[in-house]
Amino acid sequence: MFTEHAGAAARRLRDMCQRVQRFHAREINGRLSECAYHLGWLAEERGDTGEARDAMHMVDDVRKPLAQAYLAALDGKLDAAIEQARSAARGLENEWWNKFFAGDGFLFAAGCAHRLGRRAAAIDNARAALAIYDQLDVIKQAPYYQRRVARTRALLAHLVTAPEARTLAAAAAAWYREAGGYDARAAELEAIATASR
């Protein structure tokens, strides 16, 4: 979670999930759910549907409704996934330590709406995610937080008009370049950031 490079972060999380299953049987639910959720999030981000599905199936804590939204989307049920993600997000907004995952719910709903061509809904959900993430001062330096913010900005850069799109794209591209493992995404965003006015 504290590793910027996407591939390295996934490898480390995958190893940790396997160790938790093997060596911490009595504590397995909470630890495994946390590990599996983050591993599934990274897998979904890079388009590894198999690992995303396997990981999200292991989530069995407060994030389970959100994991079920991911599973619905992986089954091609994007409308259901949007509603599940938004409902999960609303259920996670009350406690400050769960707000991060509420942001994830709105971000995921935004991505699903974008895939369905629902631009206004995608923008609204992405802005809701950013508003939640922006409240979380205590974790703003953590790569797992910055990765979410970059992904949200990148999505919005594809949805809004200039000059906001250029600003969002430049910020997201800068993080992706520094983090490593996102060369194609960074190049795509840099093209938006430098598009002629």
N, C-alpha and C. Protein backbone atom coordinates (compact mmCIF):
# COMPACT_ATOMS: atom_id res chain seq x y z
N MET A 1 0.82 -1.21 0.00
CA MET A 1 0.00 0.00 0.00
C MET A 1 0.86 1.26 0.00
N PHE A 2 2.07 1.15 0.52
CA PHE A 2 2.95 2.31 0.58
C PHE A 2 3.99 2.29 -0.53
N THR A 3 3.80 1.41 -1.51
CA THR A 3 4.69 1.32 -2.66
C THR A 3 4.04 2.02 -3.83
N GLU A 4 4.75 2.96 -4.44
CA GLU A 4 4.16 3.72 -5.54
C GLU A 4 4.02 2.91 -6.82
N HIS A 5 5.07 2.19 -7.20
CA HIS A 5 5.06 1.45 -8.47
C HIS A 5 3.95 0.40 -8.42
N ALA A 6 3.06 0.44 -9.39
CA ALA A 6 1.88 -0.41 -9.38
C ALA A 6 2.22 -1.90 -9.36
N GLY A 7 3.16 -2.31 -10.19
CA GLY A 7 3.53 -3.73 -10.24
C GLY A 7 4.16 -4.20 -8.95
N ALA A 8 5.05 -3.40 -8.40
CA ALA A 8 5.71 -3.77 -7.14
C ALA A 8 4.70 -3.80 -6.00
N ALA A 9 3.77 -2.86 -5.97
CA ALA A 9 2.74 -2.84 -4.93
C ALA A 9 1.89 -4.10 -5.00
N ALA A 10 1.49 -4.49 -6.20
CA ALA A 10 0.67 -5.70 -6.36
C ALA A 10 1.44 -6.94 -5.92
N ARG A 11 2.72 -7.04 -6.30
CA ARG A 11 3.51 -8.20 -5.89
C ARG A 11 3.61 -8.31 -4.37
N ARG A 12 3.86 -7.18 -3.73
CA ARG A 12 4.00 -7.19 -2.28
C ARG A 12 2.68 -7.53 -1.59
N LEU A 13 1.59 -6.97 -2.08
CA LEU A 13 0.28 -7.29 -1.51
C LEU A 13 -0.07 -8.75 -1.72
N ARG A 14 0.20 -9.27 -2.91
CA ARG A 14 -0.08 -10.67 -3.21
C ARG A 14 0.67 -11.58 -2.24
N ASP A 15 1.95 -11.28 -2.02
CA ASP A 15 2.76 -12.06 -1.09
C ASP A 15 2.20 -11.96 0.33
N MET A 16 1.80 -10.76 0.73
CA MET A 16 1.26 -10.58 2.07
C MET A 16 -0.04 -11.35 2.25
N CYS A 17 -0.92 -11.30 1.26
CA CYS A 17 -2.19 -12.03 1.35
C CYS A 17 -1.93 -13.53 1.54
N GLN A 18 -0.97 -14.06 0.79
CA GLN A 18 -0.65 -15.49 0.90
C GLN A 18 -0.09 -15.82 2.28
N ARG A 19 0.74 -14.92 2.82
CA ARG A 19 1.31 -15.16 4.15
C ARG A 19 0.24 -15.07 5.24
N VAL A 20 -0.68 -14.12 5.09
CA VAL A 20 -1.76 -14.01 6.07
C VAL A 20 -2.58 -15.29 6.09
N GLN A 21 -2.94 -15.79 4.92
CA GLN A 21 -3.71 -17.03 4.84
C GLN A 21 -2.96 -18.20 5.48
N ARG A 22 -1.67 -18.22 5.28
CA ARG A 22 -0.87 -19.36 5.74
C ARG A 22 -0.52 -19.30 7.22
N PHE A 23 -0.18 -18.10 7.72
CA PHE A 23 0.39 -18.02 9.06
C PHE A 23 -0.50 -17.36 10.11
N HIS A 24 -1.61 -16.78 9.72
CA HIS A 24 -2.43 -16.05 10.70
C HIS A 24 -3.88 -16.51 10.66
N ALA A 25 -4.08 -17.79 10.79
CA ALA A 25 -5.42 -18.36 10.65
C ALA A 25 -6.42 -17.76 11.65
N ARG A 26 -5.99 -17.49 12.88
CA ARG A 26 -6.92 -16.96 13.88
C ARG A 26 -7.30 -15.52 13.61
N GLU A 27 -6.48 -14.78 12.94
CA GLU A 27 -6.74 -13.37 12.67
C GLU A 27 -7.13 -13.14 11.21
N ILE A 28 -7.44 -14.20 10.52
CA ILE A 28 -7.46 -14.16 9.06
C ILE A 28 -8.49 -13.19 8.48
N ASN A 29 -9.68 -13.10 9.05
CA ASN A 29 -10.73 -12.36 8.39
C ASN A 29 -10.39 -10.89 8.18
N GLY A 30 -10.08 -10.17 9.24
CA GLY A 30 -9.81 -8.74 9.11
C GLY A 30 -8.58 -8.45 8.28
N ARG A 31 -7.51 -9.17 8.56
CA ARG A 31 -6.26 -8.92 7.84
C ARG A 31 -6.37 -9.34 6.38
N LEU A 32 -6.96 -10.48 6.15
CA LEU A 32 -7.08 -10.96 4.77
C LEU A 32 -8.02 -10.07 3.96
N SER A 33 -9.11 -9.63 4.58
CA SER A 33 -10.04 -8.75 3.87
C SER A 33 -9.37 -7.45 3.46
N GLU A 34 -8.59 -6.88 4.37
CA GLU A 34 -7.89 -5.64 4.04
C GLU A 34 -6.90 -5.84 2.91
N CYS A 35 -6.11 -6.89 3.03
CA CYS A 35 -5.11 -7.19 2.01
C CYS A 35 -5.78 -7.49 0.67
N ALA A 36 -6.81 -8.32 0.70
CA ALA A 36 -7.49 -8.72 -0.53
C ALA A 36 -8.15 -7.54 -1.22
N TYR A 37 -8.73 -6.64 -0.43
CA TYR A 37 -9.39 -5.48 -1.03
C TYR A 37 -8.37 -4.64 -1.82
N HIS A 38 -7.25 -4.33 -1.20
CA HIS A 38 -6.25 -3.50 -1.87
C HIS A 38 -5.64 -4.22 -3.07
N LEU A 39 -5.44 -5.52 -2.95
CA LEU A 39 -4.93 -6.30 -4.08
C LEU A 39 -5.95 -6.30 -5.22
N GLY A 40 -7.22 -6.48 -4.89
CA GLY A 40 -8.27 -6.47 -5.91
C GLY A 40 -8.40 -5.12 -6.57
N TRP A 41 -8.24 -4.04 -5.77
CA TRP A 41 -8.31 -2.69 -6.33
C TRP A 41 -7.22 -2.49 -7.38
N LEU A 42 -6.00 -2.89 -7.03
CA LEU A 42 -4.88 -2.75 -7.97
C LEU A 42 -5.08 -3.62 -9.21
N ALA A 43 -5.61 -4.83 -9.01
CA ALA A 43 -5.84 -5.73 -10.14
C ALA A 43 -6.89 -5.14 -11.08
N GLU A 44 -7.96 -4.61 -10.53
CA GLU A 44 -9.01 -4.00 -11.36
C GLU A 44 -8.45 -2.80 -12.11
N GLU A 45 -7.61 -2.02 -11.42
CA GLU A 45 -7.03 -0.84 -12.06
C GLU A 45 -6.20 -1.22 -13.29
N ARG A 46 -5.47 -2.32 -13.22
CA ARG A 46 -4.63 -2.69 -14.36
C ARG A 46 -5.34 -3.65 -15.32
N GLY A 47 -6.61 -3.96 -15.06
CA GLY A 47 -7.38 -4.78 -15.98
C GLY A 47 -7.19 -6.27 -15.81
N ASP A 48 -6.65 -6.71 -14.69
CA ASP A 48 -6.48 -8.15 -14.42
C ASP A 48 -7.75 -8.66 -13.75
N THR A 49 -8.73 -9.03 -14.58
CA THR A 49 -10.04 -9.41 -14.05
C THR A 49 -9.99 -10.67 -13.21
N GLY A 50 -9.11 -11.60 -13.54
CA GLY A 50 -9.01 -12.84 -12.77
C GLY A 50 -8.56 -12.58 -11.34
N GLU A 51 -7.46 -11.83 -11.20
CA GLU A 51 -6.98 -11.54 -9.85
C GLU A 51 -7.94 -10.63 -9.11
N ALA A 52 -8.56 -9.68 -9.80
CA ALA A 52 -9.53 -8.79 -9.16
C ALA A 52 -10.69 -9.61 -8.60
N ARG A 53 -11.19 -10.54 -9.39
CA ARG A 53 -12.31 -11.37 -8.95
C ARG A 53 -11.92 -12.24 -7.76
N ASP A 54 -10.78 -12.90 -7.85
CA ASP A 54 -10.33 -13.77 -6.74
C ASP A 54 -10.15 -12.98 -5.46
N ALA A 55 -9.53 -11.81 -5.58
CA ALA A 55 -9.26 -10.99 -4.39
C ALA A 55 -10.56 -10.45 -3.79
N MET A 56 -11.44 -9.90 -4.62
CA MET A 56 -12.68 -9.32 -4.08
C MET A 56 -13.58 -10.37 -3.45
N HIS A 57 -13.48 -11.61 -3.91
CA HIS A 57 -14.25 -12.69 -3.28
C HIS A 57 -13.79 -12.94 -1.84
N MET A 58 -12.56 -12.60 -1.52
CA MET A 58 -12.02 -12.83 -0.18
C MET A 58 -12.38 -11.73 0.81
N VAL A 59 -12.93 -10.62 0.34
CA VAL A 59 -13.25 -9.49 1.22
C VAL A 59 -14.50 -9.82 2.01
N ASP A 60 -14.38 -9.79 3.34
CA ASP A 60 -15.50 -10.15 4.20
C ASP A 60 -15.52 -9.29 5.46
N ASP A 61 -15.49 -7.98 5.25
CA ASP A 61 -15.55 -7.03 6.36
C ASP A 61 -16.40 -5.84 5.92
N VAL A 62 -16.18 -4.66 6.47
CA VAL A 62 -17.01 -3.51 6.10
C VAL A 62 -16.91 -3.16 4.63
N ARG A 63 -15.85 -3.63 3.96
CA ARG A 63 -15.68 -3.35 2.53
C ARG A 63 -16.40 -4.35 1.64
N LYS A 64 -17.04 -5.35 2.23
CA LYS A 64 -17.69 -6.39 1.43
C LYS A 64 -18.73 -5.83 0.45
N PRO A 65 -19.61 -4.89 0.87
CA PRO A 65 -20.55 -4.34 -0.12
C PRO A 65 -19.84 -3.67 -1.31
N LEU A 66 -18.71 -3.04 -1.05
CA LEU A 66 -17.94 -2.43 -2.12
C LEU A 66 -17.31 -3.50 -3.01
N ALA A 67 -16.78 -4.55 -2.39
CA ALA A 67 -16.22 -5.66 -3.16
C ALA A 67 -17.29 -6.30 -4.05
N GLN A 68 -18.52 -6.37 -3.54
CA GLN A 68 -19.61 -6.94 -4.35
C GLN A 68 -19.92 -6.06 -5.56
N ALA A 69 -19.73 -4.76 -5.42
CA ALA A 69 -19.91 -3.87 -6.58
C ALA A 69 -18.87 -4.19 -7.65
N TYR A 70 -17.63 -4.41 -7.22
CA TYR A 70 -16.58 -4.78 -8.18
C TYR A 70 -16.94 -6.09 -8.87
N LEU A 71 -17.42 -7.05 -8.09
CA LEU A 71 -17.77 -8.36 -8.66
C LEU A 71 -18.93 -8.23 -9.65
N ALA A 72 -19.90 -7.38 -9.34
CA ALA A 72 -21.01 -7.16 -10.27
C ALA A 72 -20.49 -6.59 -11.59
N ALA A 73 -19.58 -5.61 -11.51
CA ALA A 73 -19.01 -5.03 -12.73
C ALA A 73 -18.21 -6.05 -13.51
N LEU A 74 -17.47 -6.89 -12.79
CA LEU A 74 -16.69 -7.92 -13.47
C LEU A 74 -17.58 -8.93 -14.18
N ASP A 75 -18.83 -9.05 -13.72
CA ASP A 75 -19.81 -9.91 -14.37
C ASP A 75 -20.58 -9.18 -15.47
N GLY A 76 -20.18 -7.93 -15.75
CA GLY A 76 -20.81 -7.16 -16.80
C GLY A 76 -22.07 -6.43 -16.38
N LYS A 77 -22.37 -6.40 -15.09
CA LYS A 77 -23.58 -5.76 -14.57
C LYS A 77 -23.24 -4.36 -14.08
N LEU A 78 -22.97 -3.47 -15.01
CA LEU A 78 -22.48 -2.14 -14.65
C LEU A 78 -23.53 -1.28 -13.95
N ASP A 79 -24.80 -1.39 -14.36
CA ASP A 79 -25.84 -0.62 -13.68
C ASP A 79 -25.94 -1.03 -12.21
N ALA A 80 -25.96 -2.33 -11.97
CA ALA A 80 -26.02 -2.83 -10.60
C ALA A 80 -24.76 -2.43 -9.83
N ALA A 81 -23.62 -2.46 -10.49
CA ALA A 81 -22.36 -2.10 -9.84
C ALA A 81 -22.36 -0.65 -9.39
N ILE A 82 -22.92 0.23 -10.23
CA ILE A 82 -23.00 1.66 -9.86
C ILE A 82 -23.83 1.82 -8.60
N GLU A 83 -25.00 1.21 -8.58
CA GLU A 83 -25.88 1.35 -7.41
C GLU A 83 -25.24 0.73 -6.17
N GLN A 84 -24.61 -0.43 -6.32
CA GLN A 84 -23.96 -1.07 -5.18
C GLN A 84 -22.79 -0.24 -4.67
N ALA A 85 -22.02 0.32 -5.57
CA ALA A 85 -20.86 1.12 -5.17
C ALA A 85 -21.31 2.39 -4.45
N ARG A 86 -22.33 3.04 -4.97
CA ARG A 86 -22.83 4.26 -4.34
C ARG A 86 -23.44 3.96 -2.97
N SER A 87 -24.19 2.87 -2.89
CA SER A 87 -24.78 2.47 -1.62
C SER A 87 -23.69 2.12 -0.60
N ALA A 88 -22.68 1.40 -1.04
CA ALA A 88 -21.56 1.05 -0.16
C ALA A 88 -20.85 2.32 0.30
N ALA A 89 -20.66 3.26 -0.61
CA ALA A 89 -19.98 4.52 -0.26
C ALA A 89 -20.77 5.26 0.81
N ARG A 90 -22.08 5.36 0.62
CA ARG A 90 -22.90 6.07 1.62
C ARG A 90 -22.82 5.36 2.98
N GLY A 91 -22.70 4.05 2.97
CA GLY A 91 -22.59 3.30 4.22
C GLY A 91 -21.24 3.42 4.90
N LEU A 92 -20.26 3.93 4.19
CA LEU A 92 -18.91 4.06 4.74
C LEU A 92 -18.51 5.49 5.08
N GLU A 93 -19.40 6.44 4.85
CA GLU A 93 -19.06 7.85 5.04
C GLU A 93 -19.10 8.31 6.49
N ASN A 94 -19.73 7.55 7.37
CA ASN A 94 -19.96 8.04 8.74
C ASN A 94 -18.71 8.07 9.60
N GLU A 95 -17.86 7.08 9.51
CA GLU A 95 -16.67 7.01 10.35
C GLU A 95 -15.47 7.49 9.56
N TRP A 96 -14.64 8.32 10.15
CA TRP A 96 -13.53 8.92 9.40
C TRP A 96 -12.59 7.87 8.83
N TRP A 97 -12.40 6.75 9.55
CA TRP A 97 -11.45 5.73 9.07
C TRP A 97 -12.01 4.92 7.91
N ASN A 98 -13.30 5.03 7.64
CA ASN A 98 -13.88 4.34 6.49
C ASN A 98 -14.13 5.27 5.31
N LYS A 99 -13.96 6.58 5.50
CA LYS A 99 -14.25 7.53 4.42
C LYS A 99 -13.40 7.27 3.18
N PHE A 100 -12.18 6.81 3.40
CA PHE A 100 -11.30 6.48 2.28
C PHE A 100 -11.99 5.50 1.34
N PHE A 101 -12.64 4.49 1.91
CA PHE A 101 -13.31 3.47 1.10
C PHE A 101 -14.61 4.01 0.51
N ALA A 102 -15.22 4.98 1.18
CA ALA A 102 -16.38 5.65 0.58
C ALA A 102 -15.94 6.36 -0.70
N GLY A 103 -14.77 7.00 -0.65
CA GLY A 103 -14.23 7.62 -1.85
C GLY A 103 -14.03 6.60 -2.96
N ASP A 104 -13.52 5.43 -2.59
CA ASP A 104 -13.34 4.36 -3.57
C ASP A 104 -14.67 3.98 -4.21
N GLY A 105 -15.73 3.95 -3.40
CA GLY A 105 -17.05 3.59 -3.94
C GLY A 105 -17.52 4.58 -4.99
N PHE A 106 -17.37 5.87 -4.70
CA PHE A 106 -17.77 6.87 -5.68
C PHE A 106 -16.87 6.85 -6.91
N LEU A 107 -15.57 6.62 -6.70
CA LEU A 107 -14.66 6.52 -7.85
C LEU A 107 -15.04 5.34 -8.73
N PHE A 108 -15.35 4.21 -8.12
CA PHE A 108 -15.72 3.03 -8.91
C PHE A 108 -17.04 3.27 -9.65
N ALA A 109 -18.00 3.90 -8.98
CA ALA A 109 -19.26 4.23 -9.65
C ALA A 109 -19.00 5.15 -10.84
N ALA A 110 -18.08 6.10 -10.68
CA ALA A 110 -17.73 7.00 -11.78
C ALA A 110 -17.16 6.24 -12.96
N GLY A 111 -16.27 5.31 -12.69
CA GLY A 111 -15.67 4.51 -13.76
C GLY A 111 -16.70 3.68 -14.50
N CYS A 112 -17.63 3.10 -13.76
CA CYS A 112 -18.68 2.30 -14.39
C CYS A 112 -19.61 3.18 -15.23
N ALA A 113 -19.96 4.36 -14.70
CA ALA A 113 -20.81 5.28 -15.46
C ALA A 113 -20.10 5.73 -16.74
N HIS A 114 -18.80 5.96 -16.65
CA HIS A 114 -18.03 6.34 -17.83
C HIS A 114 -18.07 5.23 -18.89
N ARG A 115 -17.91 4.00 -18.44
CA ARG A 115 -17.96 2.87 -19.38
C ARG A 115 -19.32 2.76 -20.06
N LEU A 116 -20.37 3.20 -19.37
CA LEU A 116 -21.71 3.17 -19.94
C LEU A 116 -22.04 4.42 -20.76
N GLY A 117 -21.09 5.35 -20.85
CA GLY A 117 -21.31 6.58 -21.61
C GLY A 117 -22.16 7.60 -20.89
N ARG A 118 -22.24 7.51 -19.58
CA ARG A 118 -23.04 8.44 -18.78
C ARG A 118 -22.11 9.50 -18.20
N ARG A 119 -21.80 10.47 -19.02
CA ARG A 119 -20.79 11.48 -18.68
C ARG A 119 -21.14 12.26 -17.42
N ALA A 120 -22.36 12.76 -17.32
CA ALA A 120 -22.74 13.58 -16.17
C ALA A 120 -22.65 12.78 -14.87
N ALA A 121 -23.13 11.55 -14.89
CA ALA A 121 -23.06 10.71 -13.69
C ALA A 121 -21.61 10.39 -13.34
N ALA A 122 -20.80 10.15 -14.35
CA ALA A 122 -19.38 9.87 -14.10
C ALA A 122 -18.71 11.07 -13.45
N ILE A 123 -18.98 12.26 -13.96
CA ILE A 123 -18.38 13.47 -13.39
C ILE A 123 -18.85 13.67 -11.95
N ASP A 124 -20.16 13.54 -11.71
CA ASP A 124 -20.69 13.74 -10.36
C ASP A 124 -20.06 12.77 -9.36
N ASN A 125 -19.95 11.50 -9.74
CA ASN A 125 -19.37 10.52 -8.84
C ASN A 125 -17.88 10.74 -8.62
N ALA A 126 -17.17 11.12 -9.66
CA ALA A 126 -15.74 11.39 -9.53
C ALA A 126 -15.50 12.60 -8.64
N ARG A 127 -16.32 13.63 -8.79
CA ARG A 127 -16.18 14.80 -7.93
C ARG A 127 -16.51 14.45 -6.47
N ALA A 128 -17.49 13.58 -6.27
CA ALA A 128 -17.82 13.13 -4.91
C ALA A 128 -16.63 12.38 -4.30
N ALA A 129 -15.97 11.55 -5.12
CA ALA A 129 -14.79 10.83 -4.63
C ALA A 129 -13.69 11.80 -4.23
N LEU A 130 -13.41 12.77 -5.10
CA LEU A 130 -12.36 13.76 -4.78
C LEU A 130 -12.69 14.56 -3.53
N ALA A 131 -13.96 14.89 -3.35
CA ALA A 131 -14.36 15.65 -2.16
C ALA A 131 -14.09 14.86 -0.89
N ILE A 132 -14.34 13.56 -0.94
CA ILE A 132 -14.07 12.72 0.23
C ILE A 132 -12.57 12.57 0.43
N TYR A 133 -11.85 12.25 -0.62
CA TYR A 133 -10.39 12.10 -0.49
C TYR A 133 -9.76 13.38 0.07
N ASP A 134 -10.29 14.52 -0.34
CA ASP A 134 -9.72 15.80 0.08
C ASP A 134 -9.84 16.03 1.59
N GLN A 135 -10.75 15.35 2.24
CA GLN A 135 -10.94 15.50 3.68
C GLN A 135 -9.90 14.73 4.50
N LEU A 136 -9.17 13.83 3.86
CA LEU A 136 -8.33 12.87 4.57
C LEU A 136 -6.89 13.35 4.70
N ASP A 137 -6.70 14.46 5.38
CA ASP A 137 -5.37 15.07 5.52
C ASP A 137 -4.33 14.11 6.08
N VAL A 138 -4.73 13.26 6.99
CA VAL A 138 -3.77 12.41 7.71
C VAL A 138 -3.07 11.40 6.80
N ILE A 139 -3.66 11.08 5.65
CA ILE A 139 -3.04 10.07 4.77
C ILE A 139 -2.63 10.64 3.42
N LYS A 140 -2.62 11.94 3.26
CA LYS A 140 -2.36 12.53 1.94
C LYS A 140 -0.98 12.23 1.37
N GLN A 141 -0.03 11.86 2.21
CA GLN A 141 1.31 11.53 1.72
C GLN A 141 1.46 10.05 1.37
N ALA A 142 0.46 9.24 1.66
CA ALA A 142 0.55 7.80 1.42
C ALA A 142 0.30 7.48 -0.05
N PRO A 143 1.14 6.63 -0.64
CA PRO A 143 0.94 6.29 -2.05
C PRO A 143 -0.43 5.69 -2.37
N TYR A 144 -1.02 4.90 -1.47
CA TYR A 144 -2.33 4.33 -1.76
C TYR A 144 -3.40 5.42 -1.86
N TYR A 145 -3.23 6.51 -1.14
CA TYR A 145 -4.12 7.68 -1.24
C TYR A 145 -3.84 8.42 -2.56
N GLN A 146 -2.58 8.70 -2.82
CA GLN A 146 -2.21 9.46 -4.01
C GLN A 146 -2.60 8.71 -5.30
N ARG A 147 -2.53 7.39 -5.26
CA ARG A 147 -2.92 6.58 -6.42
C ARG A 147 -4.41 6.80 -6.74
N ARG A 148 -5.24 6.85 -5.69
CA ARG A 148 -6.68 7.06 -5.90
C ARG A 148 -6.95 8.47 -6.45
N VAL A 149 -6.28 9.44 -5.89
CA VAL A 149 -6.49 10.81 -6.34
C VAL A 149 -6.04 10.94 -7.80
N ALA A 150 -4.91 10.35 -8.14
CA ALA A 150 -4.44 10.41 -9.53
C ALA A 150 -5.43 9.73 -10.46
N ARG A 151 -5.97 8.60 -10.05
CA ARG A 151 -6.93 7.89 -10.91
C ARG A 151 -8.20 8.72 -11.09
N THR A 152 -8.64 9.36 -10.03
CA THR A 152 -9.85 10.18 -10.13
C THR A 152 -9.60 11.38 -11.04
N ARG A 153 -8.46 12.02 -10.87
CA ARG A 153 -8.13 13.17 -11.74
C ARG A 153 -8.01 12.72 -13.19
N ALA A 154 -7.40 11.57 -13.42
CA ALA A 154 -7.25 11.06 -14.78
C ALA A 154 -8.61 10.82 -15.43
N LEU A 155 -9.52 10.23 -14.66
CA LEU A 155 -10.86 9.98 -15.19
C LEU A 155 -11.55 11.30 -15.52
N LEU A 156 -11.49 12.24 -14.59
CA LEU A 156 -12.11 13.54 -14.83
C LEU A 156 -11.50 14.26 -16.03
N ALA A 157 -10.20 14.09 -16.22
CA ALA A 157 -9.53 14.75 -17.36
C ALA A 157 -10.13 14.30 -18.69
N HIS A 158 -10.66 13.09 -18.72
CA HIS A 158 -11.29 12.57 -19.94
C HIS A 158 -12.74 13.02 -20.07
N LEU A 159 -13.29 13.56 -19.00
CA LEU A 159 -14.72 13.87 -18.98
C LEU A 159 -15.05 15.36 -19.04
N VAL A 160 -14.17 16.19 -18.50
CA VAL A 160 -14.46 17.62 -18.43
C VAL A 160 -13.78 18.35 -19.59
N THR A 161 -14.07 19.62 -19.71
CA THR A 161 -13.51 20.40 -20.80
C THR A 161 -12.29 21.19 -20.33
N ALA A 162 -11.53 21.67 -21.30
CA ALA A 162 -10.37 22.52 -21.00
C ALA A 162 -10.89 23.83 -20.44
N PRO A 163 -10.14 24.49 -19.59
CA PRO A 163 -8.78 24.20 -19.14
C PRO A 163 -8.70 23.23 -17.96
N GLU A 164 -9.87 22.92 -17.36
CA GLU A 164 -9.84 22.01 -16.21
C GLU A 164 -9.24 20.66 -16.58
N ALA A 165 -9.58 20.14 -17.75
CA ALA A 165 -9.06 18.85 -18.18
C ALA A 165 -7.53 18.86 -18.23
N ARG A 166 -6.95 19.94 -18.75
CA ARG A 166 -5.49 20.03 -18.83
C ARG A 166 -4.86 20.04 -17.45
N THR A 167 -5.46 20.78 -16.53
CA THR A 167 -4.92 20.87 -15.16
C THR A 167 -4.97 19.51 -14.46
N LEU A 168 -6.11 18.85 -14.57
CA LEU A 168 -6.27 17.53 -13.95
C LEU A 168 -5.31 16.51 -14.58
N ALA A 169 -5.21 16.54 -15.90
CA ALA A 169 -4.34 15.60 -16.60
C ALA A 169 -2.88 15.80 -16.21
N ALA A 170 -2.46 17.05 -16.10
CA ALA A 170 -1.06 17.34 -15.74
C ALA A 170 -0.75 16.82 -14.35
N ALA A 171 -1.66 17.04 -13.40
CA ALA A 171 -1.43 16.58 -12.03
C ALA A 171 -1.38 15.06 -11.96
N ALA A 172 -2.30 14.41 -12.64
CA ALA A 172 -2.33 12.94 -12.62
C ALA A 172 -1.09 12.37 -13.32
N ALA A 173 -0.76 12.93 -14.48
CA ALA A 173 0.41 12.44 -15.23
C ALA A 173 1.68 12.56 -14.41
N ALA A 174 1.83 13.66 -13.69
CA ALA A 174 3.04 13.86 -12.87
C ALA A 174 3.15 12.77 -11.81
N TRP A 175 2.03 12.43 -11.17
CA TRP A 175 2.10 11.36 -10.15
C TRP A 175 2.42 10.02 -10.81
N TYR A 176 1.74 9.71 -11.92
CA TYR A 176 1.97 8.43 -12.58
C TYR A 176 3.42 8.29 -13.05
N ARG A 177 4.00 9.35 -13.58
CA ARG A 177 5.41 9.30 -14.01
C ARG A 177 6.33 9.03 -12.83
N GLU A 178 6.09 9.73 -11.73
CA GLU A 178 6.95 9.57 -10.56
C GLU A 178 6.78 8.19 -9.94
N ALA A 179 5.57 7.68 -9.91
CA ALA A 179 5.31 6.39 -9.28
C ALA A 179 5.95 5.24 -10.06
N GLY A 180 5.90 5.31 -11.37
CA GLY A 180 6.43 4.23 -12.21
C GLY A 180 5.39 3.15 -12.45
N GLY A 181 5.53 2.46 -13.57
CA GLY A 181 4.61 1.38 -13.90
C GLY A 181 3.35 1.84 -14.62
N TYR A 182 3.29 3.11 -14.97
CA TYR A 182 2.10 3.67 -15.61
C TYR A 182 2.48 4.46 -16.86
N ASP A 183 3.44 4.00 -17.61
CA ASP A 183 3.96 4.78 -18.74
C ASP A 183 2.89 5.15 -19.76
N ALA A 184 2.07 4.18 -20.16
CA ALA A 184 1.05 4.47 -21.17
C ALA A 184 0.02 5.45 -20.65
N ARG A 185 -0.39 5.29 -19.40
CA ARG A 185 -1.37 6.20 -18.83
C ARG A 185 -0.79 7.60 -18.71
N ALA A 186 0.44 7.70 -18.27
CA ALA A 186 1.08 9.01 -18.13
C ALA A 186 1.19 9.70 -19.49
N ALA A 187 1.57 8.96 -20.52
CA ALA A 187 1.69 9.56 -21.86
C ALA A 187 0.34 10.05 -22.37
N GLU A 188 -0.69 9.27 -22.15
CA GLU A 188 -2.04 9.66 -22.57
C GLU A 188 -2.48 10.95 -21.88
N LEU A 189 -2.20 11.04 -20.59
CA LEU A 189 -2.58 12.23 -19.82
C LEU A 189 -1.72 13.44 -20.20
N GLU A 190 -0.44 13.20 -20.48
CA GLU A 190 0.41 14.30 -20.92
C GLU A 190 -0.07 14.90 -22.23
N ALA A 191 -0.64 14.05 -23.09
CA ALA A 191 -1.19 14.56 -24.36
C ALA A 191 -2.38 15.47 -24.10
N ILE A 192 -3.21 15.11 -23.12
CA ILE A 192 -4.35 15.97 -22.77
C ILE A 192 -3.83 17.27 -22.15
N ALA A 193 -2.84 17.14 -21.27
CA ALA A 193 -2.31 18.32 -20.55
C ALA A 193 -1.69 19.33 -21.48
N THR A 194 -1.12 18.87 -22.58
CA THR A 194 -0.42 19.78 -23.50
C THR A 194 -1.20 20.07 -24.77
N ALA A 195 -2.47 19.64 -24.80
CA ALA A 195 -3.31 19.89 -25.99
C ALA A 195 -3.42 21.39 -26.22
N SER A 196 -3.49 21.77 -27.48
CA SER A 196 -3.56 23.20 -27.80
C SER A 196 -4.83 23.81 -27.25
N ARG A 197 -4.69 25.01 -26.82
CA ARG A 197 -5.81 25.72 -26.21
C ARG A 197 -6.81 26.09 -27.28
